[in-house]
Structure formats: structure tokens, C-alpha cells
Amino acid sequence: MMSLKFLKNFSFFFSILLLLVFTFLFSFTLFISEKPMKINILNLFDRESQILKKKKYGR
């Protein structure tokens, strides 16, 4: 009888956990689709980078 009670509790908590995970994923998907982020990759490869200037001219 102890294992039946354990299985009942385990299945209850597992289903709650799955419900929370799916709710989080669904809300995250809605949030991302509502406000898409624009990432400009070309700014990362800027030729006038301050780091490269310091290395190039030894400042």
C-alpha cells in the first residue's frame, strides 16, 4: 500500500511540474513572438572598433 501512495503523490507532483513547464514555454513563446528582437550582427564586426584601435596603435 505504501508504494501506491507514493506513486499517487509522485504522479500528482510530476503532472504539476509538467504543467508548469509547458505553461512557461507557451508564455515564453508568446512573449518572443509579440516582441521580436532585432539583432544587428554587422555592428559586432565594426572596423572602427575601440579594442582594435588600442591593439593597433599600442595605447
N, C-alpha and C. Protein backbone atom coordinates (compact mmCIF):
# COMPACT_ATOMS: atom_id res chain seq x y z
N MET A 1 0.81 -1.20 0.00
CA MET A 1 0.00 0.00 0.00
C MET A 1 0.86 1.26 0.00
N MET A 2 2.05 1.16 0.58
CA MET A 2 2.92 2.33 0.64
C MET A 2 3.34 2.77 -0.76
N SER A 3 3.61 1.81 -1.65
CA SER A 3 4.06 2.17 -2.99
C SER A 3 2.92 2.81 -3.80
N LEU A 4 1.69 2.41 -3.56
CA LEU A 4 0.57 3.04 -4.25
C LEU A 4 0.42 4.50 -3.84
N LYS A 5 0.59 4.77 -2.57
CA LYS A 5 0.50 6.15 -2.10
C LYS A 5 1.65 6.98 -2.68
N PHE A 6 2.83 6.39 -2.71
CA PHE A 6 3.99 7.07 -3.28
C PHE A 6 3.78 7.36 -4.76
N LEU A 7 3.28 6.38 -5.51
CA LEU A 7 3.03 6.57 -6.93
C LEU A 7 1.96 7.63 -7.18
N LYS A 8 0.96 7.66 -6.33
CA LYS A 8 -0.09 8.66 -6.47
C LYS A 8 0.48 10.07 -6.25
N ASN A 9 1.28 10.23 -5.20
CA ASN A 9 1.89 11.52 -4.92
C ASN A 9 2.90 11.91 -6.01
N PHE A 10 3.67 10.94 -6.44
CA PHE A 10 4.67 11.21 -7.47
C PHE A 10 4.00 11.64 -8.78
N SER A 11 2.96 10.96 -9.18
CA SER A 11 2.28 11.31 -10.41
C SER A 11 1.62 12.69 -10.30
N PHE A 12 1.10 13.02 -9.13
CA PHE A 12 0.50 14.33 -8.93
C PHE A 12 1.54 15.43 -9.06
N PHE A 13 2.67 15.30 -8.38
CA PHE A 13 3.71 16.33 -8.45
C PHE A 13 4.36 16.38 -9.83
N PHE A 14 4.49 15.26 -10.46
CA PHE A 14 5.07 15.23 -11.80
C PHE A 14 4.15 15.93 -12.80
N SER A 15 2.86 15.71 -12.68
CA SER A 15 1.92 16.38 -13.58
C SER A 15 1.89 17.88 -13.32
N ILE A 16 1.99 18.30 -12.07
CA ILE A 16 2.06 19.73 -11.76
C ILE A 16 3.33 20.33 -12.37
N LEU A 17 4.44 19.63 -12.24
CA LEU A 17 5.70 20.10 -12.81
C LEU A 17 5.62 20.23 -14.32
N LEU A 18 5.05 19.24 -14.98
CA LEU A 18 4.90 19.31 -16.43
C LEU A 18 3.98 20.46 -16.84
N LEU A 19 2.93 20.65 -16.09
CA LEU A 19 2.02 21.75 -16.37
C LEU A 19 2.72 23.10 -16.26
N LEU A 20 3.55 23.26 -15.25
CA LEU A 20 4.30 24.50 -15.08
C LEU A 20 5.31 24.70 -16.21
N VAL A 21 5.99 23.65 -16.60
CA VAL A 21 6.99 23.76 -17.67
C VAL A 21 6.32 24.14 -18.99
N PHE A 22 5.21 23.47 -19.32
CA PHE A 22 4.53 23.78 -20.57
C PHE A 22 3.92 25.18 -20.55
N THR A 23 3.43 25.60 -19.40
CA THR A 23 2.90 26.95 -19.28
C THR A 23 4.00 27.98 -19.49
N PHE A 24 5.15 27.73 -18.89
CA PHE A 24 6.29 28.64 -19.07
C PHE A 24 6.71 28.69 -20.54
N LEU A 25 6.83 27.55 -21.18
CA LEU A 25 7.24 27.52 -22.59
C LEU A 25 6.22 28.22 -23.48
N PHE A 26 4.96 28.02 -23.22
CA PHE A 26 3.92 28.65 -24.01
C PHE A 26 3.94 30.17 -23.84
N SER A 27 4.05 30.62 -22.61
CA SER A 27 4.08 32.06 -22.37
C SER A 27 5.36 32.69 -22.92
N PHE A 28 6.48 31.98 -22.82
CA PHE A 28 7.73 32.47 -23.39
C PHE A 28 7.63 32.59 -24.91
N THR A 29 7.01 31.62 -25.55
CA THR A 29 6.81 31.66 -27.00
C THR A 29 5.93 32.83 -27.39
N LEU A 30 4.88 33.06 -26.64
CA LEU A 30 4.00 34.20 -26.93
C LEU A 30 4.74 35.52 -26.74
N PHE A 31 5.55 35.61 -25.71
CA PHE A 31 6.30 36.83 -25.43
C PHE A 31 7.30 37.11 -26.53
N ILE A 32 8.00 36.09 -26.98
CA ILE A 32 9.00 36.26 -28.04
C ILE A 32 8.34 36.63 -29.35
N SER A 33 7.23 36.02 -29.66
CA SER A 33 6.57 36.32 -30.93
C SER A 33 5.92 37.71 -30.90
N GLU A 34 5.55 38.19 -29.72
CA GLU A 34 4.95 39.52 -29.61
C GLU A 34 5.99 40.62 -29.78
N LYS A 35 7.18 40.44 -29.21
CA LYS A 35 8.24 41.45 -29.28
C LYS A 35 9.50 40.81 -29.86
N PRO A 36 9.56 40.65 -31.17
CA PRO A 36 10.77 40.06 -31.74
C PRO A 36 11.96 41.01 -31.60
N MET A 37 13.09 40.44 -31.27
CA MET A 37 14.29 41.25 -31.10
C MET A 37 15.06 41.31 -32.42
N LYS A 38 15.53 42.49 -32.75
CA LYS A 38 16.33 42.66 -33.94
C LYS A 38 17.78 42.76 -33.53
N ILE A 39 18.57 41.82 -34.00
CA ILE A 39 19.99 41.80 -33.66
C ILE A 39 20.77 42.17 -34.91
N ASN A 40 21.50 43.24 -34.83
CA ASN A 40 22.31 43.67 -35.97
C ASN A 40 23.72 43.12 -35.79
N ILE A 41 24.02 42.06 -36.53
CA ILE A 41 25.31 41.39 -36.39
C ILE A 41 26.44 42.23 -36.96
N LEU A 42 26.14 43.09 -37.92
CA LEU A 42 27.20 43.88 -38.55
C LEU A 42 27.87 44.82 -37.56
N ASN A 43 27.16 45.25 -36.52
CA ASN A 43 27.78 46.13 -35.53
C ASN A 43 28.86 45.41 -34.72
N LEU A 44 28.78 44.09 -34.66
CA LEU A 44 29.80 43.34 -33.91
C LEU A 44 31.13 43.32 -34.66
N PHE A 45 31.08 43.46 -35.98
CA PHE A 45 32.28 43.41 -36.79
C PHE A 45 32.63 44.80 -37.32
N ASP A 46 32.52 45.78 -36.45
CA ASP A 46 32.79 47.17 -36.83
C ASP A 46 34.29 47.35 -37.07
N ARG A 47 34.64 47.99 -38.18
CA ARG A 47 36.05 48.19 -38.49
C ARG A 47 36.69 49.23 -37.59
N GLU A 48 35.91 50.13 -37.03
CA GLU A 48 36.44 51.18 -36.16
C GLU A 48 36.29 50.80 -34.69
N SER A 49 36.52 49.56 -34.38
CA SER A 49 36.37 49.08 -33.01
C SER A 49 37.43 49.68 -32.10
N GLN A 50 37.03 50.05 -30.90
CA GLN A 50 37.96 50.65 -29.94
C GLN A 50 39.04 49.65 -29.51
N ILE A 51 38.68 48.40 -29.39
CA ILE A 51 39.66 47.38 -28.96
C ILE A 51 40.75 47.23 -30.02
N LEU A 52 40.32 47.19 -31.30
CA LEU A 52 41.31 47.04 -32.36
C LEU A 52 42.19 48.27 -32.47
N LYS A 53 41.64 49.46 -32.23
CA LYS A 53 42.46 50.67 -32.26
C LYS A 53 43.52 50.63 -31.18
N LYS A 54 43.16 50.16 -29.98
CA LYS A 54 44.13 50.09 -28.89
C LYS A 54 45.23 49.11 -29.21
N LYS A 55 44.88 47.98 -29.81
CA LYS A 55 45.89 46.98 -30.15
C LYS A 55 46.78 47.47 -31.30
N LYS A 56 46.16 48.12 -32.26
CA LYS A 56 46.88 48.54 -33.47
C LYS A 56 47.90 49.63 -33.15
N TYR A 57 47.49 50.61 -32.36
CA TYR A 57 48.34 51.75 -32.10
C TYR A 57 49.06 51.66 -30.75
N GLY A 58 48.81 50.59 -30.03
CA GLY A 58 49.54 50.35 -28.78
C GLY A 58 49.21 51.31 -27.66
N ARG A 59 48.00 51.82 -27.58
CA ARG A 59 47.62 52.73 -26.49
C ARG A 59 47.17 52.00 -25.28
